[in-house]
Amino acid sequence: MLVEDGILLRKYWFSVSDTEQQERFRRRLEDPLRRWKPSPMDLESISRWEAYTRAKDEMMIHADISEAPWYVVESDDKRRARPNMIAHLLSTVPYHDVPPPVLELPPRPASTGYERPPRDLQPYVPDHAGGF
């Protein structure tokens, strides 16, 4: 129905191998910056990996139609998977170049004498990024 109404529907499945998924879970448990990522559902999915894969394959048989196909993105390497998917998506959308408008920076008006209040009167966010 969406496609019949003129909506361009693209469906992507980011496919991760069993080995890579296990490695990602292991890294998440060991890395203090990633410990928040695993949920109880993620941990449960380890024991249900084959059942989930079977269900995904069955879903694709029924939901992969020519008007709105599923595309599988190999995503063991996330840094390659994401731009690959974006490039594919953009290649499926008809577009034409739109020239950008020509903009000119206007001159700044002369000062009216306003002075900003001292910085120490306002709470500022500490510069944590400056220490990297």
C-alpha atoms as a PDB file:
ATOM      1  CA  MET A   1       0.000   0.000   0.000  1.00  0.00           C
ATOM      2  CA  LEU A   2       2.844   2.407   0.754  1.00  0.00           C
ATOM      3  CA  VAL A   3       4.456   1.796  -2.621  1.00  0.00           C
ATOM      4  CA  GLU A   4       1.080   2.105  -4.385  1.00  0.00           C
ATOM      5  CA  ASP A   5       0.743   5.552  -2.793  1.00  0.00           C
ATOM      6  CA  GLY A   6       4.051   6.629  -4.346  1.00  0.00           C
ATOM      7  CA  ILE A   7       6.351   6.138  -1.359  1.00  0.00           C
ATOM      8  CA  LEU A   8       9.836   4.906  -2.228  1.00  0.00           C
ATOM      9  CA  LEU A   9      10.312   2.022   0.181  1.00  0.00           C
ATOM     10  CA  ARG A  10      13.780   0.551   0.665  1.00  0.00           C
ATOM     11  CA  LYS A  11      14.404  -2.223   3.189  1.00  0.00           C
ATOM     12  CA  TYR A  12      17.902  -3.069   4.392  1.00  0.00           C
ATOM     13  CA  TRP A  13      19.078  -5.984   6.495  1.00  0.00           C
ATOM     14  CA  PHE A  14      22.483  -5.517   8.076  1.00  0.00           C
ATOM     15  CA  SER A  15      23.891  -9.036   8.127  1.00  0.00           C
ATOM     16  CA  VAL A  16      26.467  -9.938  10.774  1.00  0.00           C
ATOM     17  CA  SER A  17      28.210 -13.295  10.948  1.00  0.00           C
ATOM     18  CA  ASP A  18      27.919 -15.447  14.064  1.00  0.00           C
ATOM     19  CA  THR A  19      31.623 -15.014  14.767  1.00  0.00           C
ATOM     20  CA  GLU A  20      31.558 -11.223  14.475  1.00  0.00           C
ATOM     21  CA  GLN A  21      28.414 -10.892  16.598  1.00  0.00           C
ATOM     22  CA  GLN A  22      29.969 -13.006  19.365  1.00  0.00           C
ATOM     23  CA  GLU A  23      33.091 -10.845  19.209  1.00  0.00           C
ATOM     24  CA  ARG A  24      31.010  -7.643  19.441  1.00  0.00           C
ATOM     25  CA  PHE A  25      29.169  -8.950  22.497  1.00  0.00           C
ATOM     26  CA  ARG A  26      32.467  -9.947  24.125  1.00  0.00           C
ATOM     27  CA  ARG A  27      33.989  -6.496  23.460  1.00  0.00           C
ATOM     28  CA  ARG A  28      30.901  -4.791  24.871  1.00  0.00           C
ATOM     29  CA  LEU A  29      31.149  -6.732  28.115  1.00  0.00           C
ATOM     30  CA  GLU A  30      34.867  -6.001  28.529  1.00  0.00           C
ATOM     31  CA  ASP A  31      34.991  -2.348  27.418  1.00  0.00           C
ATOM     32  CA  PRO A  32      33.875   0.143  30.104  1.00  0.00           C
ATOM     33  CA  LEU A  33      32.714   2.560  27.375  1.00  0.00           C
ATOM     34  CA  ARG A  34      30.481  -0.114  25.809  1.00  0.00           C
ATOM     35  CA  ARG A  35      29.128  -1.870  28.908  1.00  0.00           C
ATOM     36  CA  TRP A  36      25.829  -0.007  28.620  1.00  0.00           C
ATOM     37  CA  LYS A  37      25.121  -1.481  25.162  1.00  0.00           C
ATOM     38  CA  PRO A  38      24.196  -5.122  25.888  1.00  0.00           C
ATOM     39  CA  SER A  39      20.658  -5.602  27.096  1.00  0.00           C
ATOM     40  CA  PRO A  40      19.145  -8.765  28.584  1.00  0.00           C
ATOM     41  CA  MET A  41      17.499  -9.270  25.179  1.00  0.00           C
ATOM     42  CA  ASP A  42      20.913  -9.133  23.449  1.00  0.00           C
ATOM     43  CA  LEU A  43      22.271 -11.793  25.782  1.00  0.00           C
ATOM     44  CA  GLU A  44      19.178 -13.949  25.238  1.00  0.00           C
ATOM     45  CA  SER A  45      19.617 -13.598  21.465  1.00  0.00           C
ATOM     46  CA  ILE A  46      22.882 -15.555  21.676  1.00  0.00           C
ATOM     47  CA  SER A  47      20.990 -18.720  22.535  1.00  0.00           C
ATOM     48  CA  ARG A  48      18.323 -17.962  19.922  1.00  0.00           C
ATOM     49  CA  TRP A  49      20.649 -16.965  17.067  1.00  0.00           C
ATOM     50  CA  GLU A  50      19.662 -19.833  14.791  1.00  0.00           C
ATOM     51  CA  ALA A  51      15.924 -19.384  15.434  1.00  0.00           C
ATOM     52  CA  TYR A  52      16.181 -15.644  14.728  1.00  0.00           C
ATOM     53  CA  THR A  53      18.101 -16.319  11.528  1.00  0.00           C
ATOM     54  CA  ARG A  54      15.519 -18.859  10.409  1.00  0.00           C
ATOM     55  CA  ALA A  55      12.697 -16.361  11.146  1.00  0.00           C
ATOM     56  CA  LYS A  56      14.534 -13.611   9.222  1.00  0.00           C
ATOM     57  CA  ASP A  57      14.993 -15.888   6.216  1.00  0.00           C
ATOM     58  CA  GLU A  58      11.310 -16.858   6.298  1.00  0.00           C
ATOM     59  CA  MET A  59      10.272 -13.203   6.596  1.00  0.00           C
ATOM     60  CA  MET A  60      12.375 -12.289   3.574  1.00  0.00           C
ATOM     61  CA  ILE A  61      10.726 -14.999   1.487  1.00  0.00           C
ATOM     62  CA  HIS A  62       7.330 -13.403   2.134  1.00  0.00           C
ATOM     63  CA  ALA A  63       8.254  -9.723   2.323  1.00  0.00           C
ATOM     64  CA  ASP A  64      10.819  -9.437  -0.483  1.00  0.00           C
ATOM     65  CA  ILE A  65       8.673  -8.158  -3.345  1.00  0.00           C
ATOM     66  CA  SER A  66       9.802  -6.481  -6.543  1.00  0.00           C
ATOM     67  CA  GLU A  67       8.068  -3.211  -5.604  1.00  0.00           C
ATOM     68  CA  ALA A  68       9.891  -3.112  -2.253  1.00  0.00           C
ATOM     69  CA  PRO A  69      12.794  -5.560  -2.119  1.00  0.00           C
ATOM     70  CA  TRP A  70      14.998  -6.365   0.831  1.00  0.00           C
ATOM     71  CA  TYR A  71      18.679  -5.545   0.365  1.00  0.00           C
ATOM     72  CA  VAL A  72      21.278  -7.360   2.465  1.00  0.00           C
ATOM     73  CA  VAL A  73      24.244  -5.307   3.666  1.00  0.00           C
ATOM     74  CA  GLU A  74      27.283  -7.300   4.746  1.00  0.00           C
ATOM     75  CA  SER A  75      28.115  -5.573   8.012  1.00  0.00           C
ATOM     76  CA  ASP A  76      30.887  -7.431   9.781  1.00  0.00           C
ATOM     77  CA  ASP A  77      32.805  -4.212   9.080  1.00  0.00           C
ATOM     78  CA  LYS A  78      30.498  -1.390  10.240  1.00  0.00           C
ATOM     79  CA  ARG A  79      32.675   1.348   8.780  1.00  0.00           C
ATOM     80  CA  ARG A  80      32.251  -0.092   5.292  1.00  0.00           C
ATOM     81  CA  ALA A  81      28.652  -1.260   5.703  1.00  0.00           C
ATOM     82  CA  ARG A  82      27.193   2.136   6.462  1.00  0.00           C
ATOM     83  CA  PRO A  83      28.605   4.057   3.467  1.00  0.00           C
ATOM     84  CA  ASN A  84      27.858   1.055   1.219  1.00  0.00           C
ATOM     85  CA  MET A  85      24.219   1.162   2.307  1.00  0.00           C
ATOM     86  CA  ILE A  86      23.978   4.941   1.934  1.00  0.00           C
ATOM     87  CA  ALA A  87      25.552   4.829  -1.545  1.00  0.00           C
ATOM     88  CA  HIS A  88      23.107   2.107  -2.577  1.00  0.00           C
ATOM     89  CA  LEU A  89      20.130   3.989  -1.174  1.00  0.00           C
ATOM     90  CA  LEU A  90      21.118   7.181  -2.979  1.00  0.00           C
ATOM     91  CA  SER A  91      21.584   5.251  -6.225  1.00  0.00           C
ATOM     92  CA  THR A  92      17.947   4.100  -6.059  1.00  0.00           C
ATOM     93  CA  VAL A  93      16.425   7.550  -5.587  1.00  0.00           C
ATOM     94  CA  PRO A  94      15.874   9.664  -8.693  1.00  0.00           C
ATOM     95  CA  TYR A  95      17.266  13.156  -8.268  1.00  0.00           C
ATOM     96  CA  HIS A  96      18.595  16.096 -10.190  1.00  0.00           C
ATOM     97  CA  ASP A  97      21.182  18.692  -9.297  1.00  0.00           C
ATOM     98  CA  VAL A  98      19.817  21.796  -7.646  1.00  0.00           C
ATOM     99  CA  PRO A  99      22.186  24.735  -7.908  1.00  0.00           C
ATOM    100  CA  PRO A 100      22.784  26.354  -4.535  1.00  0.00           C
ATOM    101  CA  PRO A 101      21.625  29.944  -4.143  1.00  0.00           C
ATOM    102  CA  VAL A 102      24.291  32.607  -4.368  1.00  0.00           C
ATOM    103  CA  LEU A 103      24.637  34.141  -0.925  1.00  0.00           C
ATOM    104  CA  GLU A 104      26.542  37.225   0.142  1.00  0.00           C
ATOM    105  CA  LEU A 105      27.567  37.998   3.668  1.00  0.00           C
ATOM    106  CA  PRO A 106      26.055  41.364   4.565  1.00  0.00           C
ATOM    107  CA  PRO A 107      28.233  43.979   6.261  1.00  0.00           C
ATOM    108  CA  ARG A 108      27.921  44.094  10.019  1.00  0.00           C
ATOM    109  CA  PRO A 109      26.176  47.175  11.308  1.00  0.00           C
ATOM    110  CA  ALA A 110      28.135  49.572  13.476  1.00  0.00           C
ATOM    111  CA  SER A 111      28.115  48.850  17.191  1.00  0.00           C
ATOM    112  CA  THR A 112      25.473  50.562  19.315  1.00  0.00           C
ATOM    113  CA  GLY A 113      27.670  50.301  22.413  1.00  0.00           C
ATOM    114  CA  TYR A 114      26.150  47.125  23.891  1.00  0.00           C
ATOM    115  CA  GLU A 115      28.551  45.198  26.130  1.00  0.00           C
ATOM    116  CA  ARG A 116      28.018  41.559  26.952  1.00  0.00           C
ATOM    117  CA  PRO A 117      27.865  40.645  30.656  1.00  0.00           C
ATOM    118  CA  PRO A 118      30.994  39.068  32.196  1.00  0.00           C
ATOM    119  CA  ARG A 119      31.323  35.359  31.447  1.00  0.00           C
ATOM    120  CA  ASP A 120      31.524  34.416  35.115  1.00  0.00           C
ATOM    121  CA  LEU A 121      27.875  35.470  35.563  1.00  0.00           C
ATOM    122  CA  GLN A 122      26.673  32.564  33.420  1.00  0.00           C
ATOM    123  CA  PRO A 123      27.116  28.815  34.003  1.00  0.00           C
ATOM    124  CA  TYR A 124      29.277  27.264  31.301  1.00  0.00           C
ATOM    125  CA  VAL A 125      29.778  23.646  30.362  1.00  0.00           C
ATOM    126  CA  PRO A 126      33.308  22.486  31.301  1.00  0.00           C
ATOM    127  CA  ASP A 127      35.681  21.888  28.382  1.00  0.00           C
ATOM    128  CA  HIS A 128      36.167  18.130  28.645  1.00  0.00           C
ATOM    129  CA  ALA A 129      37.087  17.826  24.969  1.00  0.00           C
ATOM    130  CA  GLY A 130      40.086  20.107  25.431  1.00  0.00           C
ATOM    131  CA  GLY A 131      41.881  17.358  27.364  1.00  0.00           C
ATOM    132  CA  PHE A 132      41.920  14.881  24.453  1.00  0.00           C
END
